[in-house]
Every structure is written in structure tokens, then in C-alpha cells.
Amino acid sequence: MNNIAEGSESESGPDPLFVRYLKIAKASCGEVRSMLFLCEDLNYCSAYTTHSLKNKTITISSSIHKLIEYLKKSINSKS
């Protein structure tokens, strides 16, 4: 979320710079998913909780990916 906010504050609009921030946000989502495995292994969270949160990160990552693809098409059509 912070990466997307940073990209949108750059006032770059649907251009490659904003897409870059979205890619960073998507990568951060993967990092969170990785940390959830560690949380479960260290018994900080139950298997049910980590499973639920992992599924949410997959959904968020997929949504970011779709937005990236949409913006890329938009950028290419304006070129």
C-alpha cells in the first residue's frame, strides 16, 4: 500500500514510473507472504490464520498485476 501511495504522489499518472511502483508493491506482497510462512513456523500465528492471510496476499497480488497490465495497455495505446 505504501509503494502505491508513493507512486501516486509522484504525480506520474499512468506512466512507466507509476507502473514501477506497482511492481514494487506486488513484490512487497510476496515478501509479506514469505513472512507469513515464518510466522507459522515460529508459532506466532495459527495455520488457519496464516492460510487465510496468504490467500489474501495472493488476491491482492493478482489485483495489482491486473492493474499493471491495464496501465501498460493504456500507456501503449497513447504512444
N, C-alpha and C. Protein backbone atom coordinates (compact mmCIF):
# COMPACT_ATOMS: atom_id res chain seq x y z
N MET A 1 0.82 -1.18 0.00
CA MET A 1 0.00 0.00 0.00
C MET A 1 0.88 1.25 0.00
N ASN A 2 1.94 1.25 0.77
CA ASN A 2 2.81 2.42 0.82
C ASN A 2 3.50 2.68 -0.51
N ASN A 3 3.88 1.61 -1.21
CA ASN A 3 4.53 1.78 -2.51
C ASN A 3 3.58 2.41 -3.52
N ILE A 4 2.33 1.99 -3.49
CA ILE A 4 1.33 2.55 -4.41
C ILE A 4 1.08 4.02 -4.07
N ALA A 5 0.99 4.33 -2.78
CA ALA A 5 0.80 5.73 -2.36
C ALA A 5 1.98 6.58 -2.81
N GLU A 6 3.18 6.08 -2.65
CA GLU A 6 4.37 6.81 -3.07
C GLU A 6 4.35 7.05 -4.58
N GLY A 7 3.99 6.03 -5.33
CA GLY A 7 3.93 6.17 -6.79
C GLY A 7 2.86 7.15 -7.21
N SER A 8 1.74 7.17 -6.51
CA SER A 8 0.68 8.08 -6.90
C SER A 8 1.01 9.51 -6.50
N GLU A 9 1.77 9.71 -5.45
CA GLU A 9 2.19 11.05 -5.06
C GLU A 9 3.23 11.63 -6.02
N SER A 10 3.86 10.77 -6.78
CA SER A 10 4.86 11.26 -7.73
C SER A 10 4.19 11.97 -8.91
N GLU A 11 2.84 11.96 -8.90
CA GLU A 11 2.04 12.61 -9.94
C GLU A 11 2.43 12.16 -11.34
N SER A 12 2.77 10.88 -11.42
CA SER A 12 3.22 10.36 -12.70
C SER A 12 2.07 9.86 -13.56
N GLY A 13 0.90 9.63 -12.95
CA GLY A 13 -0.22 9.14 -13.73
C GLY A 13 0.05 7.76 -14.30
N PRO A 14 -0.68 7.38 -15.33
CA PRO A 14 -0.47 6.04 -15.90
C PRO A 14 0.76 6.00 -16.81
N ASP A 15 1.92 6.11 -16.20
CA ASP A 15 3.14 6.03 -16.99
C ASP A 15 4.06 4.98 -16.38
N PRO A 16 5.17 4.72 -17.03
CA PRO A 16 6.06 3.65 -16.57
C PRO A 16 6.55 3.82 -15.13
N LEU A 17 6.69 5.07 -14.64
CA LEU A 17 7.15 5.27 -13.28
C LEU A 17 6.13 4.74 -12.28
N PHE A 18 4.85 5.04 -12.49
CA PHE A 18 3.81 4.55 -11.59
C PHE A 18 3.73 3.03 -11.67
N VAL A 19 3.87 2.48 -12.85
CA VAL A 19 3.86 1.01 -13.01
C VAL A 19 5.02 0.41 -12.21
N ARG A 20 6.15 1.10 -12.19
CA ARG A 20 7.30 0.62 -11.42
C ARG A 20 6.93 0.50 -9.94
N TYR A 21 6.25 1.51 -9.41
CA TYR A 21 5.84 1.46 -8.01
C TYR A 21 4.84 0.33 -7.77
N LEU A 22 3.98 0.08 -8.72
CA LEU A 22 3.04 -1.03 -8.59
C LEU A 22 3.78 -2.36 -8.55
N LYS A 23 4.81 -2.49 -9.37
CA LYS A 23 5.61 -3.72 -9.37
C LYS A 23 6.31 -3.91 -8.03
N ILE A 24 6.78 -2.80 -7.45
CA ILE A 24 7.41 -2.88 -6.13
C ILE A 24 6.38 -3.31 -5.09
N ALA A 25 5.17 -2.76 -5.19
CA ALA A 25 4.10 -3.13 -4.26
C ALA A 25 3.76 -4.62 -4.39
N LYS A 26 3.74 -5.12 -5.61
CA LYS A 26 3.45 -6.54 -5.85
C LYS A 26 4.55 -7.40 -5.23
N ALA A 27 5.80 -6.96 -5.39
CA ALA A 27 6.92 -7.70 -4.79
C ALA A 27 6.83 -7.67 -3.27
N SER A 28 6.43 -6.54 -2.71
CA SER A 28 6.27 -6.44 -1.26
C SER A 28 5.19 -7.39 -0.76
N CYS A 29 4.18 -7.59 -1.56
CA CYS A 29 3.12 -8.54 -1.21
C CYS A 29 3.70 -9.95 -1.12
N GLY A 30 4.60 -10.27 -2.01
CA GLY A 30 5.28 -11.56 -1.95
C GLY A 30 6.15 -11.69 -0.71
N GLU A 31 6.76 -10.58 -0.30
CA GLU A 31 7.57 -10.60 0.92
C GLU A 31 6.69 -10.86 2.15
N VAL A 32 5.53 -10.24 2.17
CA VAL A 32 4.60 -10.48 3.28
C VAL A 32 4.21 -11.95 3.32
N ARG A 33 3.92 -12.52 2.16
CA ARG A 33 3.55 -13.93 2.09
C ARG A 33 4.70 -14.80 2.64
N SER A 34 5.91 -14.46 2.30
CA SER A 34 7.07 -15.19 2.79
C SER A 34 7.17 -15.09 4.31
N MET A 35 6.92 -13.91 4.85
CA MET A 35 6.98 -13.72 6.30
C MET A 35 5.88 -14.50 7.02
N LEU A 36 4.77 -14.71 6.34
CA LEU A 36 3.69 -15.49 6.94
C LEU A 36 4.11 -16.95 7.14
N PHE A 37 4.90 -17.48 6.22
CA PHE A 37 5.43 -18.84 6.41
C PHE A 37 6.29 -18.88 7.67
N LEU A 38 7.11 -17.86 7.85
CA LEU A 38 7.98 -17.79 9.02
C LEU A 38 7.14 -17.65 10.30
N CYS A 39 6.13 -16.80 10.27
CA CYS A 39 5.24 -16.62 11.43
C CYS A 39 4.61 -17.94 11.85
N GLU A 40 4.19 -18.70 10.86
CA GLU A 40 3.58 -20.00 11.18
C GLU A 40 4.63 -20.96 11.75
N ASP A 41 5.81 -20.99 11.13
CA ASP A 41 6.87 -21.88 11.61
C ASP A 41 7.28 -21.55 13.05
N LEU A 42 7.25 -20.27 13.40
CA LEU A 42 7.64 -19.85 14.75
C LEU A 42 6.46 -19.83 15.73
N ASN A 43 5.31 -20.29 15.25
CA ASN A 43 4.09 -20.36 16.06
C ASN A 43 3.60 -19.00 16.55
N TYR A 44 3.83 -17.95 15.74
CA TYR A 44 3.27 -16.64 16.07
C TYR A 44 1.81 -16.55 15.63
N CYS A 45 1.46 -17.36 14.64
CA CYS A 45 0.09 -17.39 14.11
C CYS A 45 -0.31 -18.84 13.91
N SER A 46 -1.59 -19.07 13.96
CA SER A 46 -2.09 -20.41 13.70
C SER A 46 -2.03 -20.71 12.20
N ALA A 47 -2.08 -21.97 11.87
CA ALA A 47 -2.08 -22.38 10.47
C ALA A 47 -3.29 -21.79 9.75
N TYR A 48 -4.43 -21.75 10.45
CA TYR A 48 -5.65 -21.18 9.85
C TYR A 48 -5.46 -19.70 9.51
N THR A 49 -4.89 -18.95 10.46
CA THR A 49 -4.68 -17.51 10.23
C THR A 49 -3.70 -17.27 9.09
N THR A 50 -2.58 -17.99 9.08
CA THR A 50 -1.60 -17.77 8.01
C THR A 50 -2.16 -18.18 6.66
N HIS A 51 -2.93 -19.26 6.63
CA HIS A 51 -3.54 -19.69 5.37
C HIS A 51 -4.48 -18.61 4.84
N SER A 52 -5.29 -18.07 5.72
CA SER A 52 -6.23 -17.02 5.33
C SER A 52 -5.49 -15.78 4.82
N LEU A 53 -4.46 -15.38 5.54
CA LEU A 53 -3.70 -14.19 5.13
C LEU A 53 -2.93 -14.43 3.84
N LYS A 54 -2.38 -15.62 3.67
CA LYS A 54 -1.68 -15.95 2.41
C LYS A 54 -2.64 -15.85 1.23
N ASN A 55 -3.85 -16.34 1.40
CA ASN A 55 -4.84 -16.23 0.33
C ASN A 55 -5.15 -14.77 0.00
N LYS A 56 -5.22 -13.94 1.02
CA LYS A 56 -5.48 -12.52 0.79
C LYS A 56 -4.32 -11.88 0.03
N THR A 57 -3.07 -12.26 0.35
CA THR A 57 -1.93 -11.69 -0.37
C THR A 57 -1.94 -12.12 -1.83
N ILE A 58 -2.39 -13.33 -2.09
CA ILE A 58 -2.48 -13.81 -3.48
C ILE A 58 -3.53 -13.00 -4.24
N THR A 59 -4.65 -12.73 -3.61
CA THR A 59 -5.70 -11.92 -4.23
C THR A 59 -5.21 -10.50 -4.51
N ILE A 60 -4.54 -9.92 -3.53
CA ILE A 60 -4.02 -8.56 -3.70
C ILE A 60 -2.98 -8.52 -4.81
N SER A 61 -2.08 -9.48 -4.81
CA SER A 61 -1.04 -9.55 -5.84
C SER A 61 -1.65 -9.67 -7.24
N SER A 62 -2.67 -10.49 -7.34
CA SER A 62 -3.37 -10.65 -8.62
C SER A 62 -4.03 -9.35 -9.07
N SER A 63 -4.64 -8.64 -8.13
CA SER A 63 -5.27 -7.36 -8.45
C SER A 63 -4.25 -6.33 -8.92
N ILE A 64 -3.12 -6.29 -8.25
CA ILE A 64 -2.05 -5.36 -8.66
C ILE A 64 -1.57 -5.72 -10.05
N HIS A 65 -1.40 -7.01 -10.31
CA HIS A 65 -0.96 -7.47 -11.63
C HIS A 65 -1.94 -7.02 -12.72
N LYS A 66 -3.23 -7.18 -12.46
CA LYS A 66 -4.24 -6.75 -13.44
C LYS A 66 -4.18 -5.26 -13.68
N LEU A 67 -3.96 -4.48 -12.63
CA LEU A 67 -3.84 -3.03 -12.79
C LEU A 67 -2.60 -2.68 -13.61
N ILE A 68 -1.51 -3.35 -13.36
CA ILE A 68 -0.28 -3.13 -14.14
C ILE A 68 -0.53 -3.40 -15.62
N GLU A 69 -1.16 -4.53 -15.92
CA GLU A 69 -1.44 -4.87 -17.32
C GLU A 69 -2.36 -3.85 -17.97
N TYR A 70 -3.37 -3.40 -17.25
CA TYR A 70 -4.30 -2.39 -17.76
C TYR A 70 -3.54 -1.09 -18.07
N LEU A 71 -2.70 -0.66 -17.14
CA LEU A 71 -1.95 0.59 -17.35
C LEU A 71 -0.95 0.46 -18.49
N LYS A 72 -0.32 -0.70 -18.62
CA LYS A 72 0.61 -0.90 -19.74
C LYS A 72 -0.11 -0.76 -21.07
N LYS A 73 -1.29 -1.34 -21.16
CA LYS A 73 -2.09 -1.21 -22.40
C LYS A 73 -2.45 0.23 -22.64
N SER A 74 -2.82 0.94 -21.59
CA SER A 74 -3.18 2.35 -21.69
C SER A 74 -1.99 3.19 -22.16
N ILE A 75 -0.83 2.90 -21.61
CA ILE A 75 0.39 3.63 -21.99
C ILE A 75 0.73 3.35 -23.44
N ASN A 76 0.65 2.10 -23.85
CA ASN A 76 0.99 1.71 -25.23
C ASN A 76 0.01 2.29 -26.24
N SER A 77 -1.25 2.42 -25.86
CA SER A 77 -2.23 2.94 -26.81
C SER A 77 -2.05 4.45 -27.01
N LYS A 78 -1.43 5.13 -26.06
CA LYS A 78 -1.19 6.57 -26.19
C LYS A 78 0.09 6.87 -26.94
N SER A 79 0.93 5.85 -27.12
CA SER A 79 2.20 6.06 -27.82
C SER A 79 2.06 6.15 -29.29
